[in-house]
Amino acid sequence: MSKLIITCAITGSRIQKKDTPLIPISPEEIAESAIASVKAGASLLHIHVRDPKTEIGTQDRSIYERVLSLIQEEVDPVICLSTSGVPGKNLDHEKRLIPLELGPDMVSFDAGSMNLGDSLFLNPPDFLELLAKKAKETHVKLELECFHSGMVHTCIQMIEAGLIERPPHFQLVLGVRGGAPATLNSLINMAAMLPQGSTWSVIGIGSAQLQMGIHALLMGGHVRVGLEDNIYYRKGQLATNEQLVKRMVNLSRELGRDIATPDEARELLGLPPRMNALDSKRR
């Protein structure tokens, strides 16, 4: 098997301090948690940013820039920025595309609309086509987030049409209300659909994070952990991002699979060598 890429999803856009005091909200908190996660073994960071006043996700470019600057002063991970928007708000397409302007290694690509718990998560075809086009123009790789097998099929169609570049990287999201359940059968079925040459990772929501992660690392896939998806280390014990990363590092090594460094993760994902995500000369 290849070395394991551990993604850490630092904060997401919904969980607040009332849910766990350990969730990072301010740019400084997000960066501090991200740096600790990379030093613990994460090679890829999935980053949302928050409005410090409301604690809810935002697409504010200046906040993204502040977080990235702080992170890159200390560590050199693969950077994936979120294009998912703001909870409860249907942002116009251009605001959702702001992360592409910052020159990240990757951005998220949520491959369809769905009921997300009690809300509607809109990703219409025109937005997906625009995002894919802009990503190709700016040489940013897409993290193909698929919440059920229909979204995998959508991505495959777009790859075959030349809208999404090869080799694709899939993020299989299991356990969201409205999506595929967090079961081994779901993971096997979705992984079996992926085109040859793909890399893939798994997200298990809540208590399924650990179980799905172990299945993925044994199957040759990669793993995402972090407070965006799960706030507990075990029942009743709140976690930090660093703790969740360290646990997956230890489990993977016990099972005989080494951990990828950021440079090794770039090679596995088909990314170019390191470039500063804030370097305006990159594009």
Foldseek 3Di string as FASTA:
>chain_A
DAFFAEEAAQAAFDDDVVNPVQRDAALVSSLVLVLLQQVLFHQEYEDFHHDNVVSGTALDLVSVVSNLVSNVVRDFHQYEYELQHTPPDDDDLVSSCSLLQLQGQEYEQEQAWWCFPPRTRHDDPVSNLVNLQSCVVSVHAYAQEYQALVSQVSVVVCVVVVSHDPPHEYEYEAPTVGGHHLDPVRVVVNVVSHDPRYAYEYAYAEPSQVVSQVSQLVVVHHHYYYDNRYQAPDVPHGDGSSVRSNVSCVVSVVVPHHGDHRQRVCVSRVTDGGDRSNPSVSD
